[in-house]
Amino acid sequence: MSVAAMTRTTTIDTNETVAAPGLPADDRMGDGYDWMETLEGTGWSALPNWGSDGWDAGAWPLIVFAVARTRDESGELFGYGTYVEGDTNAHWFRSQDACFEAITEEVFFHWKAGQSDGPGNLPATAAELGAADRRPYPGWTS
């Protein structure tokens, strides 16, 4: 696997400055499907599902989640990125659990807003979701 250009960023959970694969920017020439093609060979991969039943993570092609995992001299790093109608953002964490919590918060936002298909009877906040809906879909591998 080739790796994307490394970028300096700060982890959200530990406030460390680290080098991590850069999330490809949107080229503004296509949609989220085209953007997902730019992920190939970068260390990033699209994340289609989240939670116990493989609920939608995003709403392709307008809202796309991507994940990455890398290692530096201090240990593993876990990232997630988003493409939302052409805007891209990346977030890095030292802890996989902290990364999963952040993904849950953002996925929950889209479920609650009716922008993507999520569990029925959503609670008021992401923190109130059951444990099984706060983790990657068990059928997903990357």
N, C-alpha and C. Protein backbone atom coordinates (compact mmCIF):
# COMPACT_ATOMS: atom_id res chain seq x y z
N MET A 1 0.85 -1.18 0.00
CA MET A 1 0.00 0.00 0.00
C MET A 1 0.88 1.23 0.00
N SER A 2 0.62 2.16 -0.89
CA SER A 2 1.33 3.43 -0.83
C SER A 2 0.66 4.29 0.24
N VAL A 3 1.36 5.26 0.68
CA VAL A 3 0.84 6.09 1.76
C VAL A 3 0.72 7.52 1.26
N ALA A 4 -0.31 8.21 1.68
CA ALA A 4 -0.51 9.60 1.32
C ALA A 4 0.62 10.45 1.88
N ALA A 5 0.75 11.62 1.35
CA ALA A 5 1.71 12.57 1.90
C ALA A 5 1.41 12.75 3.38
N MET A 6 2.46 12.74 4.14
CA MET A 6 2.28 12.91 5.59
C MET A 6 2.06 14.40 5.89
N THR A 7 1.27 14.64 6.90
CA THR A 7 0.99 16.00 7.32
C THR A 7 1.17 16.10 8.83
N ARG A 8 1.52 17.25 9.31
CA ARG A 8 1.63 17.49 10.74
C ARG A 8 0.25 17.88 11.24
N THR A 9 -0.17 17.26 12.31
CA THR A 9 -1.48 17.53 12.90
C THR A 9 -1.40 17.32 14.41
N THR A 10 -2.44 17.68 15.10
CA THR A 10 -2.49 17.52 16.56
C THR A 10 -3.59 16.52 16.89
N THR A 11 -3.24 15.53 17.72
CA THR A 11 -4.26 14.56 18.13
C THR A 11 -5.28 15.26 19.02
N ILE A 12 -6.51 14.87 18.87
CA ILE A 12 -7.58 15.51 19.64
C ILE A 12 -7.57 15.05 21.09
N ASP A 13 -7.29 13.77 21.31
CA ASP A 13 -7.39 13.24 22.67
C ASP A 13 -6.15 13.50 23.54
N THR A 14 -4.97 13.60 22.93
CA THR A 14 -3.75 13.77 23.74
C THR A 14 -3.02 15.08 23.44
N ASN A 15 -3.50 15.83 22.47
CA ASN A 15 -2.92 17.12 22.11
C ASN A 15 -1.45 17.01 21.72
N GLU A 16 -1.07 15.90 21.08
CA GLU A 16 0.29 15.69 20.58
C GLU A 16 0.38 16.17 19.13
N THR A 17 1.50 16.72 18.75
CA THR A 17 1.77 17.01 17.35
C THR A 17 2.38 15.75 16.75
N VAL A 18 1.75 15.24 15.69
CA VAL A 18 2.17 13.99 15.05
C VAL A 18 2.18 14.16 13.54
N ALA A 19 2.86 13.24 12.88
CA ALA A 19 2.80 13.14 11.42
C ALA A 19 1.86 11.99 11.08
N ALA A 20 0.91 12.26 10.21
CA ALA A 20 -0.10 11.26 9.85
C ALA A 20 -0.45 11.44 8.37
N PRO A 21 -0.98 10.39 7.75
CA PRO A 21 -1.37 10.52 6.34
C PRO A 21 -2.41 11.63 6.15
N GLY A 22 -2.15 12.49 5.19
CA GLY A 22 -3.09 13.56 4.90
C GLY A 22 -4.33 13.03 4.21
N LEU A 23 -5.47 13.57 4.58
CA LEU A 23 -6.72 13.21 3.92
C LEU A 23 -6.78 13.94 2.59
N PRO A 24 -6.99 13.22 1.49
CA PRO A 24 -7.06 13.92 0.21
C PRO A 24 -8.15 15.00 0.23
N ALA A 25 -7.82 16.14 -0.34
CA ALA A 25 -8.79 17.24 -0.42
C ALA A 25 -9.74 16.98 -1.57
N ASP A 26 -10.88 17.62 -1.53
CA ASP A 26 -11.84 17.53 -2.61
C ASP A 26 -11.32 18.35 -3.79
N ASP A 27 -11.42 17.79 -4.96
CA ASP A 27 -10.94 18.53 -6.14
C ASP A 27 -12.03 19.39 -6.77
N ARG A 28 -13.23 19.34 -6.21
CA ARG A 28 -14.38 20.13 -6.68
C ARG A 28 -14.82 19.82 -8.10
N MET A 29 -14.34 18.70 -8.64
CA MET A 29 -14.70 18.34 -10.00
C MET A 29 -15.77 17.26 -10.05
N GLY A 30 -16.09 16.65 -8.93
CA GLY A 30 -17.06 15.57 -8.94
C GLY A 30 -17.88 15.57 -7.67
N ASP A 31 -18.20 14.37 -7.20
CA ASP A 31 -18.98 14.24 -5.98
C ASP A 31 -18.25 13.31 -5.02
N GLY A 32 -18.92 12.85 -4.00
CA GLY A 32 -18.30 11.99 -3.00
C GLY A 32 -17.82 10.67 -3.57
N TYR A 33 -18.46 10.17 -4.59
CA TYR A 33 -17.99 8.93 -5.22
C TYR A 33 -16.62 9.16 -5.86
N ASP A 34 -16.48 10.30 -6.54
CA ASP A 34 -15.19 10.64 -7.14
C ASP A 34 -14.13 10.83 -6.05
N TRP A 35 -14.51 11.49 -4.95
CA TRP A 35 -13.58 11.71 -3.85
C TRP A 35 -13.12 10.38 -3.27
N MET A 36 -14.04 9.43 -3.12
CA MET A 36 -13.66 8.13 -2.57
C MET A 36 -12.59 7.45 -3.43
N GLU A 37 -12.63 7.67 -4.73
CA GLU A 37 -11.60 7.10 -5.61
C GLU A 37 -10.23 7.68 -5.28
N THR A 38 -10.17 8.93 -4.81
CA THR A 38 -8.88 9.53 -4.47
C THR A 38 -8.28 8.92 -3.21
N LEU A 39 -9.07 8.16 -2.45
CA LEU A 39 -8.56 7.53 -1.23
C LEU A 39 -7.66 6.34 -1.53
N GLU A 40 -7.82 5.73 -2.70
CA GLU A 40 -7.06 4.53 -3.03
C GLU A 40 -5.57 4.79 -2.92
N GLY A 41 -4.89 3.92 -2.16
CA GLY A 41 -3.45 4.00 -2.02
C GLY A 41 -2.95 5.06 -1.05
N THR A 42 -3.85 5.67 -0.30
CA THR A 42 -3.44 6.75 0.60
C THR A 42 -3.37 6.34 2.06
N GLY A 43 -3.84 5.14 2.40
CA GLY A 43 -3.95 4.75 3.80
C GLY A 43 -5.33 5.03 4.36
N TRP A 44 -6.17 5.74 3.63
CA TRP A 44 -7.55 6.03 4.02
C TRP A 44 -8.48 5.09 3.28
N SER A 45 -9.59 4.72 3.92
CA SER A 45 -10.62 3.94 3.23
C SER A 45 -11.99 4.45 3.66
N ALA A 46 -12.94 4.36 2.74
CA ALA A 46 -14.31 4.80 3.04
C ALA A 46 -14.92 3.91 4.11
N LEU A 47 -15.69 4.52 4.98
CA LEU A 47 -16.39 3.82 6.06
C LEU A 47 -17.88 3.89 5.75
N PRO A 48 -18.46 2.80 5.22
CA PRO A 48 -19.86 2.86 4.80
C PRO A 48 -20.87 2.68 5.93
N ASN A 49 -20.51 1.94 6.99
CA ASN A 49 -21.50 1.56 8.00
C ASN A 49 -20.97 1.81 9.40
N TRP A 50 -21.90 1.92 10.33
CA TRP A 50 -21.54 2.11 11.74
C TRP A 50 -22.60 1.45 12.61
N GLY A 51 -22.19 0.87 13.70
CA GLY A 51 -23.12 0.34 14.69
C GLY A 51 -23.55 -1.08 14.43
N SER A 52 -24.40 -1.56 15.32
CA SER A 52 -24.78 -2.97 15.41
C SER A 52 -25.34 -3.56 14.13
N ASP A 53 -26.15 -2.82 13.41
CA ASP A 53 -26.82 -3.35 12.23
C ASP A 53 -26.28 -2.77 10.93
N GLY A 54 -25.12 -2.15 10.99
CA GLY A 54 -24.54 -1.57 9.79
C GLY A 54 -25.31 -0.36 9.29
N TRP A 55 -25.72 0.48 10.23
CA TRP A 55 -26.44 1.70 9.87
C TRP A 55 -25.55 2.56 9.00
N ASP A 56 -26.16 3.45 8.22
CA ASP A 56 -25.40 4.32 7.33
C ASP A 56 -24.45 5.22 8.12
N ALA A 57 -23.20 5.24 7.69
CA ALA A 57 -22.24 6.24 8.17
C ALA A 57 -22.17 7.28 7.06
N GLY A 58 -22.96 8.30 7.17
CA GLY A 58 -23.04 9.31 6.13
C GLY A 58 -24.20 9.06 5.19
N ALA A 59 -24.16 9.75 4.08
CA ALA A 59 -25.21 9.64 3.05
C ALA A 59 -24.53 9.87 1.70
N TRP A 60 -23.99 8.79 1.18
CA TRP A 60 -23.25 8.89 -0.08
C TRP A 60 -24.13 9.38 -1.20
N PRO A 61 -23.72 10.25 -2.06
CA PRO A 61 -22.38 10.79 -2.22
C PRO A 61 -22.16 12.14 -1.54
N LEU A 62 -23.14 12.62 -0.78
CA LEU A 62 -23.00 13.95 -0.16
C LEU A 62 -22.18 13.93 1.13
N ILE A 63 -22.33 12.89 1.93
CA ILE A 63 -21.64 12.79 3.22
C ILE A 63 -20.92 11.44 3.25
N VAL A 64 -19.58 11.50 3.32
CA VAL A 64 -18.77 10.28 3.30
C VAL A 64 -17.80 10.31 4.47
N PHE A 65 -17.73 9.20 5.19
CA PHE A 65 -16.74 9.03 6.26
C PHE A 65 -15.59 8.18 5.73
N ALA A 66 -14.39 8.46 6.21
CA ALA A 66 -13.22 7.65 5.88
C ALA A 66 -12.43 7.42 7.16
N VAL A 67 -11.68 6.32 7.21
CA VAL A 67 -10.87 6.01 8.38
C VAL A 67 -9.45 5.64 7.94
N ALA A 68 -8.52 5.85 8.86
CA ALA A 68 -7.12 5.50 8.62
C ALA A 68 -6.49 5.10 9.95
N ARG A 69 -5.43 4.32 9.82
CA ARG A 69 -4.70 3.86 11.00
C ARG A 69 -3.22 3.86 10.62
N THR A 70 -2.39 4.38 11.50
CA THR A 70 -0.96 4.41 11.23
C THR A 70 -0.21 4.26 12.55
N ARG A 71 1.08 4.28 12.47
CA ARG A 71 1.91 4.13 13.66
C ARG A 71 3.06 5.12 13.58
N ASP A 72 3.41 5.67 14.72
CA ASP A 72 4.62 6.48 14.81
C ASP A 72 5.49 5.93 15.92
N GLU A 73 6.55 6.63 16.29
CA GLU A 73 7.47 6.12 17.31
C GLU A 73 6.82 5.97 18.68
N SER A 74 5.70 6.62 18.91
CA SER A 74 5.01 6.53 20.21
C SER A 74 3.88 5.52 20.23
N GLY A 75 3.53 4.95 19.09
CA GLY A 75 2.46 3.96 19.05
C GLY A 75 1.49 4.21 17.91
N GLU A 76 0.32 3.60 18.03
CA GLU A 76 -0.69 3.69 16.98
C GLU A 76 -1.42 5.03 17.00
N LEU A 77 -1.89 5.40 15.81
CA LEU A 77 -2.73 6.59 15.63
C LEU A 77 -3.95 6.16 14.83
N PHE A 78 -5.10 6.72 15.20
CA PHE A 78 -6.37 6.37 14.57
C PHE A 78 -7.02 7.65 14.06
N GLY A 79 -7.39 7.64 12.78
CA GLY A 79 -7.97 8.84 12.20
C GLY A 79 -9.31 8.57 11.56
N TYR A 80 -10.11 9.62 11.52
CA TYR A 80 -11.30 9.57 10.69
C TYR A 80 -11.42 10.90 9.98
N GLY A 81 -11.97 10.83 8.80
CA GLY A 81 -12.16 12.03 8.00
C GLY A 81 -13.57 12.07 7.46
N THR A 82 -13.96 13.25 7.05
CA THR A 82 -15.28 13.42 6.46
C THR A 82 -15.19 14.23 5.18
N TYR A 83 -16.09 13.91 4.30
CA TYR A 83 -16.36 14.66 3.09
C TYR A 83 -17.83 15.04 3.22
N VAL A 84 -18.12 16.33 3.31
CA VAL A 84 -19.50 16.79 3.41
C VAL A 84 -19.72 17.84 2.33
N GLU A 85 -20.41 17.41 1.28
CA GLU A 85 -20.71 18.27 0.14
C GLU A 85 -19.47 19.02 -0.34
N GLY A 86 -18.34 18.33 -0.39
CA GLY A 86 -17.11 18.90 -0.92
C GLY A 86 -16.11 19.39 0.11
N ASP A 87 -16.55 19.60 1.34
CA ASP A 87 -15.62 20.02 2.39
C ASP A 87 -15.04 18.79 3.07
N THR A 88 -13.72 18.78 3.28
CA THR A 88 -13.07 17.64 3.90
C THR A 88 -12.38 18.07 5.20
N ASN A 89 -12.42 17.17 6.18
CA ASN A 89 -11.77 17.39 7.47
C ASN A 89 -11.23 16.07 7.98
N ALA A 90 -10.07 16.13 8.63
CA ALA A 90 -9.48 14.93 9.22
C ALA A 90 -9.28 15.15 10.71
N HIS A 91 -9.41 14.09 11.49
CA HIS A 91 -9.28 14.12 12.95
C HIS A 91 -8.44 12.92 13.36
N TRP A 92 -7.42 13.14 14.19
CA TRP A 92 -6.53 12.06 14.62
C TRP A 92 -6.56 11.89 16.12
N PHE A 93 -6.39 10.64 16.56
CA PHE A 93 -6.47 10.27 17.97
C PHE A 93 -5.37 9.27 18.28
N ARG A 94 -4.88 9.29 19.49
CA ARG A 94 -3.95 8.27 19.94
C ARG A 94 -4.72 7.01 20.36
N SER A 95 -5.91 7.19 20.87
CA SER A 95 -6.73 6.09 21.36
C SER A 95 -7.81 5.71 20.35
N GLN A 96 -7.90 4.41 20.06
CA GLN A 96 -8.95 3.93 19.18
C GLN A 96 -10.33 4.21 19.78
N ASP A 97 -10.46 4.02 21.09
CA ASP A 97 -11.76 4.29 21.74
C ASP A 97 -12.17 5.74 21.58
N ALA A 98 -11.22 6.67 21.72
CA ALA A 98 -11.55 8.10 21.55
C ALA A 98 -11.96 8.38 20.11
N CYS A 99 -11.31 7.73 19.16
CA CYS A 99 -11.68 7.89 17.75
C CYS A 99 -13.09 7.36 17.51
N PHE A 100 -13.39 6.17 18.06
CA PHE A 100 -14.72 5.60 17.90
C PHE A 100 -15.79 6.50 18.50
N GLU A 101 -15.51 7.09 19.64
CA GLU A 101 -16.48 7.99 20.27
C GLU A 101 -16.74 9.21 19.39
N ALA A 102 -15.68 9.75 18.79
CA ALA A 102 -15.84 10.92 17.93
C ALA A 102 -16.62 10.57 16.66
N ILE A 103 -16.34 9.40 16.09
CA ILE A 103 -17.11 8.97 14.92
C ILE A 103 -18.58 8.80 15.32
N THR A 104 -18.83 8.18 16.47
CA THR A 104 -20.20 7.99 16.94
C THR A 104 -20.93 9.32 17.05
N GLU A 105 -20.28 10.31 17.63
CA GLU A 105 -20.90 11.64 17.77
C GLU A 105 -21.30 12.21 16.42
N GLU A 106 -20.38 12.12 15.44
CA GLU A 106 -20.67 12.71 14.14
C GLU A 106 -21.69 11.90 13.35
N VAL A 107 -21.59 10.58 13.40
CA VAL A 107 -22.58 9.73 12.73
C VAL A 107 -23.96 9.97 13.35
N PHE A 108 -24.01 10.04 14.68
CA PHE A 108 -25.27 10.28 15.39
C PHE A 108 -25.90 11.60 14.93
N PHE A 109 -25.09 12.64 14.77
CA PHE A 109 -25.61 13.92 14.29
C PHE A 109 -26.37 13.74 12.99
N HIS A 110 -25.80 12.99 12.05
CA HIS A 110 -26.46 12.79 10.75
C HIS A 110 -27.69 11.90 10.88
N TRP A 111 -27.64 10.91 11.78
CA TRP A 111 -28.83 10.09 12.02
C TRP A 111 -29.95 10.96 12.59
N LYS A 112 -29.64 11.74 13.60
CA LYS A 112 -30.64 12.55 14.29
C LYS A 112 -31.25 13.59 13.36
N ALA A 113 -30.42 14.13 12.46
CA ALA A 113 -30.91 15.15 11.52
C ALA A 113 -31.69 14.53 10.36
N GLY A 114 -31.75 13.20 10.30
CA GLY A 114 -32.46 12.54 9.22
C GLY A 114 -31.68 12.53 7.91
N GLN A 115 -30.39 12.82 7.98
CA GLN A 115 -29.57 12.85 6.77
C GLN A 115 -29.07 11.46 6.37
N SER A 116 -29.09 10.53 7.30
CA SER A 116 -28.70 9.16 6.98
C SER A 116 -29.49 8.20 7.85
N ASP A 117 -29.56 6.95 7.40
CA ASP A 117 -30.37 5.93 8.05
C ASP A 117 -29.65 5.38 9.28
N GLY A 118 -30.27 5.53 10.44
CA GLY A 118 -29.72 5.03 11.69
C GLY A 118 -30.75 4.24 12.45
N PRO A 119 -30.41 3.84 13.67
CA PRO A 119 -31.36 3.06 14.47
C PRO A 119 -32.65 3.85 14.74
N GLY A 120 -33.74 3.13 14.90
CA GLY A 120 -34.99 3.77 15.29
C GLY A 120 -34.94 4.16 16.75
N ASN A 121 -35.83 5.01 17.16
CA ASN A 121 -35.92 5.44 18.56
C ASN A 121 -34.59 5.96 19.10
N LEU A 122 -33.98 6.87 18.36
CA LEU A 122 -32.70 7.44 18.80
C LEU A 122 -32.87 8.19 20.12
N PRO A 123 -31.90 8.06 21.01
CA PRO A 123 -31.95 8.84 22.25
C PRO A 123 -31.65 10.31 21.95
N ALA A 124 -31.69 11.14 22.96
CA ALA A 124 -31.45 12.57 22.77
C ALA A 124 -30.00 12.87 22.42
N THR A 125 -29.07 12.08 22.92
CA THR A 125 -27.65 12.34 22.67
C THR A 125 -26.93 11.05 22.24
N ALA A 126 -25.80 11.23 21.59
CA ALA A 126 -24.99 10.07 21.19
C ALA A 126 -24.49 9.30 22.41
N ALA A 127 -24.24 9.99 23.50
CA ALA A 127 -23.74 9.33 24.72
C ALA A 127 -24.74 8.32 25.27
N GLU A 128 -26.01 8.46 24.91
CA GLU A 128 -27.04 7.55 25.40
C GLU A 128 -27.26 6.34 24.49
N LEU A 129 -26.55 6.29 23.36
CA LEU A 129 -26.67 5.12 22.48
C LEU A 129 -26.15 3.88 23.20
N GLY A 130 -26.70 2.73 22.88
CA GLY A 130 -26.19 1.48 23.43
C GLY A 130 -24.79 1.21 22.91
N ALA A 131 -24.04 0.42 23.63
CA ALA A 131 -22.64 0.14 23.30
C ALA A 131 -22.48 -0.42 21.88
N ALA A 132 -23.40 -1.24 21.43
CA ALA A 132 -23.29 -1.87 20.12
C ALA A 132 -23.40 -0.87 18.97
N ASP A 133 -24.03 0.28 19.21
CA ASP A 133 -24.16 1.31 18.18
C ASP A 133 -23.10 2.40 18.30
N ARG A 134 -22.11 2.17 19.16
CA ARG A 134 -21.03 3.12 19.36
C ARG A 134 -19.71 2.57 18.82
N ARG A 135 -19.79 1.53 18.02
CA ARG A 135 -18.61 0.82 17.51
C ARG A 135 -18.78 0.60 16.01
N PRO A 136 -17.71 0.20 15.34
CA PRO A 136 -17.84 -0.13 13.91
C PRO A 136 -18.80 -1.31 13.73
N TYR A 137 -19.43 -1.34 12.59
CA TYR A 137 -20.28 -2.45 12.21
C TYR A 137 -19.42 -3.72 12.22
N PRO A 138 -19.86 -4.77 12.92
CA PRO A 138 -19.03 -5.98 13.02
C PRO A 138 -18.70 -6.63 11.68
N GLY A 139 -19.50 -6.40 10.67
CA GLY A 139 -19.25 -6.99 9.35
C GLY A 139 -18.28 -6.20 8.51
N TRP A 140 -17.81 -5.07 9.02
CA TRP A 140 -16.92 -4.22 8.25
C TRP A 140 -15.47 -4.51 8.61
N THR A 141 -14.64 -4.64 7.62
CA THR A 141 -13.22 -4.83 7.88
C THR A 141 -12.43 -3.92 6.97
N SER A 142 -11.30 -3.48 7.47
CA SER A 142 -10.38 -2.68 6.66
C SER A 142 -9.03 -2.70 7.30
